[in-house]
Amino acid sequence: MEPEIPPHTLVPEDLVFASAFRTVEEPLLHSLHFWYRGEIPEGQADVVDTAYSSYGTVLRAFPVRLRRLIWEGDSGPADHGAPDEPADPPLPRLHPVTIGQADLDALDRCCRMLRNARGEGPANPLGEILEEIGGGIDLAENFSRVLRVLSLPVPRELLATSSGGRTAPREHHHYCAEVIRALSGGDEFQRLAHQAFYRALDSATH
């Protein structure tokens, strides 16, 4: 059997993505793992535990700037030696990361389980817990949108020049538009609101 080759992806230094990614951990997986584990059937609890571990593995693969944005809402100063970046960049910076397929599969398996439970509502004990944790927010759907971003196919040219994508502007523009589409989940208002954060994307539609 050949060894697993972890897939490469690009993650955006984008506050909307960072907020969505954090929500997968807190309040979702953290609450299920620590506060509701005893109320979830053992098989489902095992799926949550494995996904929580994989979430941590994926988070550790992110660069420091992105982890800081996820947990503090600010990516901090530009990298040492890099030119100053504008407060409102024309496009979000992209970071290449390597994510093991086993971790993606664990997250996907958990996400599908949660979406099914959410769809059944109070008839499913896990669905009832999700409603309680979410407080009106569909955390399972948010989880799904984050996974769509992590699963986006990356153009080879963009991956090779992913320190901001400055030498592949067309691919960078298209990839960021796909990230926004994935995070909006078909909600046009959310898509336009997110898109408006970036001059290069917003101006392309006006």
C-alpha atoms as a PDB file:
ATOM      1  CA  MET A   1       0.000   0.000   0.000  1.00  0.00           C
ATOM      2  CA  GLU A   2       1.402   3.376  -0.990  1.00  0.00           C
ATOM      3  CA  PRO A   3       1.635   6.028   1.743  1.00  0.00           C
ATOM      4  CA  GLU A   4      -1.081   8.647   1.876  1.00  0.00           C
ATOM      5  CA  ILE A   5      -0.185  11.887   0.092  1.00  0.00           C
ATOM      6  CA  PRO A   6      -1.828  14.731   2.033  1.00  0.00           C
ATOM      7  CA  PRO A   7      -3.674  17.151  -0.223  1.00  0.00           C
ATOM      8  CA  HIS A   8      -2.618  20.770  -0.494  1.00  0.00           C
ATOM      9  CA  THR A   9      -5.099  23.565  -0.199  1.00  0.00           C
ATOM     10  CA  LEU A  10      -5.105  27.328   0.202  1.00  0.00           C
ATOM     11  CA  VAL A  11      -6.762  28.991   3.156  1.00  0.00           C
ATOM     12  CA  PRO A  12      -7.629  32.688   3.044  1.00  0.00           C
ATOM     13  CA  GLU A  13      -6.525  35.239   5.599  1.00  0.00           C
ATOM     14  CA  ASP A  14     -10.105  36.357   5.723  1.00  0.00           C
ATOM     15  CA  LEU A  15     -12.094  37.315   8.817  1.00  0.00           C
ATOM     16  CA  VAL A  16     -15.302  35.642   7.599  1.00  0.00           C
ATOM     17  CA  PHE A  17     -13.518  32.335   7.038  1.00  0.00           C
ATOM     18  CA  ALA A  18     -11.651  32.699  10.345  1.00  0.00           C
ATOM     19  CA  SER A  19     -14.892  33.304  12.242  1.00  0.00           C
ATOM     20  CA  ALA A  20     -16.608  30.346  10.571  1.00  0.00           C
ATOM     21  CA  PHE A  21     -13.642  28.074  11.271  1.00  0.00           C
ATOM     22  CA  ARG A  22     -13.547  29.087  14.928  1.00  0.00           C
ATOM     23  CA  THR A  23     -17.277  28.375  15.277  1.00  0.00           C
ATOM     24  CA  VAL A  24     -16.664  24.762  14.261  1.00  0.00           C
ATOM     25  CA  GLU A  25     -14.565  24.403  17.416  1.00  0.00           C
ATOM     26  CA  GLU A  26     -16.388  26.789  19.719  1.00  0.00           C
ATOM     27  CA  PRO A  27     -19.250  26.371  20.356  1.00  0.00           C
ATOM     28  CA  LEU A  28     -19.793  23.246  18.233  1.00  0.00           C
ATOM     29  CA  LEU A  29     -17.169  20.514  18.684  1.00  0.00           C
ATOM     30  CA  HIS A  30     -15.935  21.779  22.044  1.00  0.00           C
ATOM     31  CA  SER A  31     -19.443  21.721  23.510  1.00  0.00           C
ATOM     32  CA  LEU A  32     -20.289  18.298  22.085  1.00  0.00           C
ATOM     33  CA  HIS A  33     -16.986  16.827  23.273  1.00  0.00           C
ATOM     34  CA  PHE A  34     -16.875  18.289  26.781  1.00  0.00           C
ATOM     35  CA  TRP A  35     -20.392  19.241  27.839  1.00  0.00           C
ATOM     36  CA  TYR A  36     -22.769  16.912  25.982  1.00  0.00           C
ATOM     37  CA  ARG A  37     -20.748  13.743  25.509  1.00  0.00           C
ATOM     38  CA  GLY A  38     -22.775  11.836  28.079  1.00  0.00           C
ATOM     39  CA  GLU A  39     -26.020  12.711  26.286  1.00  0.00           C
ATOM     40  CA  ILE A  40     -24.875  11.483  22.875  1.00  0.00           C
ATOM     41  CA  PRO A  41     -24.962   7.797  21.857  1.00  0.00           C
ATOM     42  CA  GLU A  42     -21.513   6.234  22.082  1.00  0.00           C
ATOM     43  CA  GLY A  43     -21.101   5.777  18.334  1.00  0.00           C
ATOM     44  CA  GLN A  44     -21.911   9.429  17.652  1.00  0.00           C
ATOM     45  CA  ALA A  45     -19.664  10.569  20.506  1.00  0.00           C
ATOM     46  CA  ASP A  46     -16.753   8.646  18.979  1.00  0.00           C
ATOM     47  CA  VAL A  47     -17.314  10.429  15.650  1.00  0.00           C
ATOM     48  CA  VAL A  48     -17.289  13.784  17.442  1.00  0.00           C
ATOM     49  CA  ASP A  49     -14.122  12.918  19.389  1.00  0.00           C
ATOM     50  CA  THR A  50     -12.267  11.910  16.223  1.00  0.00           C
ATOM     51  CA  ALA A  51     -13.411  15.053  14.401  1.00  0.00           C
ATOM     52  CA  TYR A  52     -12.344  17.247  17.314  1.00  0.00           C
ATOM     53  CA  SER A  53      -8.860  15.731  17.201  1.00  0.00           C
ATOM     54  CA  SER A  54      -8.707  16.238  13.425  1.00  0.00           C
ATOM     55  CA  TYR A  55      -9.862  19.829  13.807  1.00  0.00           C
ATOM     56  CA  GLY A  56      -6.889  20.466  16.081  1.00  0.00           C
ATOM     57  CA  THR A  57      -4.533  18.852  13.576  1.00  0.00           C
ATOM     58  CA  VAL A  58      -5.860  21.046  10.768  1.00  0.00           C
ATOM     59  CA  LEU A  59      -5.645  24.174  12.913  1.00  0.00           C
ATOM     60  CA  ARG A  60      -2.005  23.457  13.747  1.00  0.00           C
ATOM     61  CA  ALA A  61      -1.274  23.232  10.015  1.00  0.00           C
ATOM     62  CA  PHE A  62      -2.374  26.855   9.591  1.00  0.00           C
ATOM     63  CA  PRO A  63       0.270  29.600   9.708  1.00  0.00           C
ATOM     64  CA  VAL A  64       0.575  31.745  12.818  1.00  0.00           C
ATOM     65  CA  ARG A  65      -1.043  34.737  11.111  1.00  0.00           C
ATOM     66  CA  LEU A  66      -4.192  32.779  10.329  1.00  0.00           C
ATOM     67  CA  ARG A  67      -4.378  31.140  13.757  1.00  0.00           C
ATOM     68  CA  ARG A  68      -4.128  34.580  15.309  1.00  0.00           C
ATOM     69  CA  LEU A  69      -6.942  35.829  13.095  1.00  0.00           C
ATOM     70  CA  ILE A  70      -9.106  32.862  14.082  1.00  0.00           C
ATOM     71  CA  TRP A  71      -8.656  33.334  17.819  1.00  0.00           C
ATOM     72  CA  GLU A  72      -7.994  37.056  18.184  1.00  0.00           C
ATOM     73  CA  GLY A  73      -9.723  38.579  15.157  1.00  0.00           C
ATOM     74  CA  ASP A  74      -6.444  40.202  14.050  1.00  0.00           C
ATOM     75  CA  SER A  75      -3.653  38.622  12.028  1.00  0.00           C
ATOM     76  CA  GLY A  76      -1.086  40.986  13.512  1.00  0.00           C
ATOM     77  CA  PRO A  77       1.695  42.881  11.739  1.00  0.00           C
ATOM     78  CA  ALA A  78       2.960  41.899   8.318  1.00  0.00           C
ATOM     79  CA  ASP A  79       5.643  39.228   8.153  1.00  0.00           C
ATOM     80  CA  HIS A  80       9.182  40.406   8.855  1.00  0.00           C
ATOM     81  CA  GLY A  81      10.778  41.680   5.662  1.00  0.00           C
ATOM     82  CA  ALA A  82       7.487  41.799   3.753  1.00  0.00           C
ATOM     83  CA  PRO A  83       6.212  45.095   2.377  1.00  0.00           C
ATOM     84  CA  ASP A  84       3.463  46.782   4.327  1.00  0.00           C
ATOM     85  CA  GLU A  85       0.038  45.568   3.326  1.00  0.00           C
ATOM     86  CA  PRO A  86      -3.005  47.855   3.130  1.00  0.00           C
ATOM     87  CA  ALA A  87      -5.661  47.676   5.823  1.00  0.00           C
ATOM     88  CA  ASP A  88      -8.205  46.869   3.121  1.00  0.00           C
ATOM     89  CA  PRO A  89      -6.308  44.571   0.709  1.00  0.00           C
ATOM     90  CA  PRO A  90      -7.750  44.172  -2.791  1.00  0.00           C
ATOM     91  CA  LEU A  91      -7.853  40.407  -2.168  1.00  0.00           C
ATOM     92  CA  PRO A  92      -7.294  38.278   0.947  1.00  0.00           C
ATOM     93  CA  ARG A  93      -3.873  36.757   1.388  1.00  0.00           C
ATOM     94  CA  LEU A  94      -3.769  33.001   0.722  1.00  0.00           C
ATOM     95  CA  HIS A  95      -1.721  30.466   2.675  1.00  0.00           C
ATOM     96  CA  PRO A  96      -0.794  26.985   1.415  1.00  0.00           C
ATOM     97  CA  VAL A  97      -1.450  24.201   3.923  1.00  0.00           C
ATOM     98  CA  THR A  98      -1.182  20.433   3.846  1.00  0.00           C
ATOM     99  CA  ILE A  99      -4.134  18.553   5.291  1.00  0.00           C
ATOM    100  CA  GLY A 100      -4.232  14.783   5.648  1.00  0.00           C
ATOM    101  CA  GLN A 101      -7.102  13.035   3.896  1.00  0.00           C
ATOM    102  CA  ALA A 102      -7.861  11.097   7.070  1.00  0.00           C
ATOM    103  CA  ASP A 103      -8.489  14.367   8.905  1.00  0.00           C
ATOM    104  CA  LEU A 104     -10.704  15.705   6.132  1.00  0.00           C
ATOM    105  CA  ASP A 105     -12.647  12.437   6.128  1.00  0.00           C
ATOM    106  CA  ALA A 106     -13.110  12.562   9.914  1.00  0.00           C
ATOM    107  CA  LEU A 107     -14.427  16.117   9.735  1.00  0.00           C
ATOM    108  CA  ASP A 108     -16.692  15.275   6.812  1.00  0.00           C
ATOM    109  CA  ARG A 109     -18.100  12.197   8.555  1.00  0.00           C
ATOM    110  CA  CYS A 110     -18.911  14.253  11.640  1.00  0.00           C
ATOM    111  CA  CYS A 111     -20.392  17.082   9.601  1.00  0.00           C
ATOM    112  CA  ARG A 112     -22.717  14.727   7.712  1.00  0.00           C
ATOM    113  CA  MET A 113     -23.815  13.134  10.979  1.00  0.00           C
ATOM    114  CA  LEU A 114     -24.594  16.546  12.475  1.00  0.00           C
ATOM    115  CA  ARG A 115     -26.454  17.745   9.391  1.00  0.00           C
ATOM    116  CA  ASN A 116     -28.615  14.627   9.411  1.00  0.00           C
ATOM    117  CA  ALA A 117     -29.356  15.082  13.112  1.00  0.00           C
ATOM    118  CA  ARG A 118     -30.100  18.774  12.605  1.00  0.00           C
ATOM    119  CA  GLY A 119     -32.552  17.895   9.861  1.00  0.00           C
ATOM    120  CA  GLU A 120     -34.432  15.544  12.183  1.00  0.00           C
ATOM    121  CA  GLY A 121     -34.700  18.238  14.858  1.00  0.00           C
ATOM    122  CA  PRO A 122     -35.952  17.349  18.367  1.00  0.00           C
ATOM    123  CA  ALA A 123     -36.815  13.818  17.214  1.00  0.00           C
ATOM    124  CA  ASN A 124     -33.076  13.149  17.273  1.00  0.00           C
ATOM    125  CA  PRO A 125     -31.345  13.751  20.641  1.00  0.00           C
ATOM    126  CA  LEU A 126     -28.272  15.089  18.859  1.00  0.00           C
ATOM    127  CA  GLY A 127     -30.451  17.380  16.752  1.00  0.00           C
ATOM    128  CA  GLU A 128     -32.019  18.795  19.905  1.00  0.00           C
ATOM    129  CA  ILE A 129     -28.561  19.422  21.364  1.00  0.00           C
ATOM    130  CA  LEU A 130     -27.480  21.229  18.195  1.00  0.00           C
ATOM    131  CA  GLU A 131     -30.466  23.538  18.439  1.00  0.00           C
ATOM    132  CA  GLU A 132     -29.615  24.273  22.046  1.00  0.00           C
ATOM    133  CA  ILE A 133     -25.951  24.982  21.296  1.00  0.00           C
ATOM    134  CA  GLY A 134     -26.653  26.995  18.160  1.00  0.00           C
ATOM    135  CA  GLY A 135     -29.213  29.358  19.632  1.00  0.00           C
ATOM    136  CA  GLY A 136     -30.865  29.825  16.249  1.00  0.00           C
ATOM    137  CA  ILE A 137     -27.678  29.388  14.196  1.00  0.00           C
ATOM    138  CA  ASP A 138     -27.307  26.266  12.071  1.00  0.00           C
ATOM    139  CA  LEU A 139     -23.842  25.226  13.244  1.00  0.00           C
ATOM    140  CA  ALA A 140     -23.906  22.055  11.135  1.00  0.00           C
ATOM    141  CA  GLU A 141     -24.428  24.126   7.980  1.00  0.00           C
ATOM    142  CA  ASN A 142     -21.605  26.443   8.995  1.00  0.00           C
ATOM    143  CA  PHE A 143     -19.399  23.370   9.470  1.00  0.00           C
ATOM    144  CA  SER A 144     -20.324  22.229   5.973  1.00  0.00           C
ATOM    145  CA  ARG A 145     -19.372  25.582   4.456  1.00  0.00           C
ATOM    146  CA  VAL A 146     -15.955  25.508   6.107  1.00  0.00           C
ATOM    147  CA  LEU A 147     -15.327  22.038   4.688  1.00  0.00           C
ATOM    148  CA  ARG A 148     -16.266  23.269   1.222  1.00  0.00           C
ATOM    149  CA  VAL A 149     -13.506  25.869   1.480  1.00  0.00           C
ATOM    150  CA  LEU A 150     -10.961  23.285   2.648  1.00  0.00           C
ATOM    151  CA  SER A 151     -11.955  21.028  -0.258  1.00  0.00           C
ATOM    152  CA  LEU A 152     -11.754  23.615  -3.045  1.00  0.00           C
ATOM    153  CA  PRO A 153      -9.527  22.533  -5.940  1.00  0.00           C
ATOM    154  CA  VAL A 154      -6.444  24.732  -6.126  1.00  0.00           C
ATOM    155  CA  PRO A 155      -5.012  25.853  -9.487  1.00  0.00           C
ATOM    156  CA  ARG A 156      -1.425  24.672  -9.810  1.00  0.00           C
ATOM    157  CA  GLU A 157      -0.262  28.161 -10.788  1.00  0.00           C
ATOM    158  CA  LEU A 158      -1.816  29.668  -7.701  1.00  0.00           C
ATOM    159  CA  LEU A 159      -0.424  27.053  -5.342  1.00  0.00           C
ATOM    160  CA  ALA A 160       3.050  27.711  -6.733  1.00  0.00           C
ATOM    161  CA  THR A 161       2.751  31.447  -6.115  1.00  0.00           C
ATOM    162  CA  SER A 162       0.569  31.441  -3.024  1.00  0.00           C
ATOM    163  CA  SER A 163       2.432  34.057  -1.008  1.00  0.00           C
ATOM    164  CA  GLY A 164      -0.479  36.380  -1.719  1.00  0.00           C
ATOM    165  CA  GLY A 165      -1.010  35.176  -5.268  1.00  0.00           C
ATOM    166  CA  ARG A 166       0.538  38.359  -6.620  1.00  0.00           C
ATOM    167  CA  THR A 167       1.971  36.709  -9.694  1.00  0.00           C
ATOM    168  CA  ALA A 168      -1.261  34.858 -10.534  1.00  0.00           C
ATOM    169  CA  PRO A 169      -3.899  37.589 -10.168  1.00  0.00           C
ATOM    170  CA  ARG A 170      -6.544  35.951 -12.322  1.00  0.00           C
ATOM    171  CA  GLU A 171      -6.378  32.652 -10.440  1.00  0.00           C
ATOM    172  CA  HIS A 172      -6.219  34.491  -7.105  1.00  0.00           C
ATOM    173  CA  HIS A 173      -9.335  36.483  -7.983  1.00  0.00           C
ATOM    174  CA  HIS A 174     -11.232  33.367  -9.083  1.00  0.00           C
ATOM    175  CA  TYR A 175     -10.195  31.343  -6.036  1.00  0.00           C
ATOM    176  CA  CYS A 176     -11.289  34.063  -3.608  1.00  0.00           C
ATOM    177  CA  ALA A 177     -14.630  34.303  -5.385  1.00  0.00           C
ATOM    178  CA  GLU A 178     -15.043  30.534  -4.920  1.00  0.00           C
ATOM    179  CA  VAL A 179     -14.198  30.846  -1.209  1.00  0.00           C
ATOM    180  CA  ILE A 180     -16.872  33.509  -0.799  1.00  0.00           C
ATOM    181  CA  ARG A 181     -19.404  31.415  -2.711  1.00  0.00           C
ATOM    182  CA  ALA A 182     -18.659  28.387  -0.501  1.00  0.00           C
ATOM    183  CA  LEU A 183     -19.029  30.381   2.711  1.00  0.00           C
ATOM    184  CA  SER A 184     -22.261  32.044   1.598  1.00  0.00           C
ATOM    185  CA  GLY A 185     -23.978  28.691   1.030  1.00  0.00           C
ATOM    186  CA  GLY A 186     -26.161  30.134  -1.726  1.00  0.00           C
ATOM    187  CA  ASP A 187     -27.265  33.165   0.319  1.00  0.00           C
ATOM    188  CA  GLU A 188     -26.880  36.078  -2.108  1.00  0.00           C
ATOM    189  CA  PHE A 189     -26.937  38.723   0.611  1.00  0.00           C
ATOM    190  CA  GLN A 190     -24.127  36.998   2.511  1.00  0.00           C
ATOM    191  CA  ARG A 191     -22.123  36.582  -0.679  1.00  0.00           C
ATOM    192  CA  LEU A 192     -22.379  40.251  -1.621  1.00  0.00           C
ATOM    193  CA  ALA A 193     -21.657  41.423   1.930  1.00  0.00           C
ATOM    194  CA  HIS A 194     -18.521  39.269   2.113  1.00  0.00           C
ATOM    195  CA  GLN A 195     -17.432  40.240  -1.379  1.00  0.00           C
ATOM    196  CA  ALA A 196     -17.692  43.937  -0.487  1.00  0.00           C
ATOM    197  CA  PHE A 197     -14.760  43.518   1.929  1.00  0.00           C
ATOM    198  CA  TYR A 198     -12.373  43.322  -1.025  1.00  0.00           C
ATOM    199  CA  ARG A 199     -12.012  46.015  -3.635  1.00  0.00           C
ATOM    200  CA  ALA A 200     -10.881  43.709  -6.425  1.00  0.00           C
ATOM    201  CA  LEU A 201     -13.922  41.480  -6.072  1.00  0.00           C
ATOM    202  CA  ASP A 202     -16.496  44.176  -5.392  1.00  0.00           C
ATOM    203  CA  SER A 203     -15.395  46.347  -8.313  1.00  0.00           C
ATOM    204  CA  ALA A 204     -15.609  43.386 -10.697  1.00  0.00           C
ATOM    205  CA  THR A 205     -19.389  43.248 -10.203  1.00  0.00           C
ATOM    206  CA  HIS A 206     -20.060  46.980 -10.541  1.00  0.00           C
END
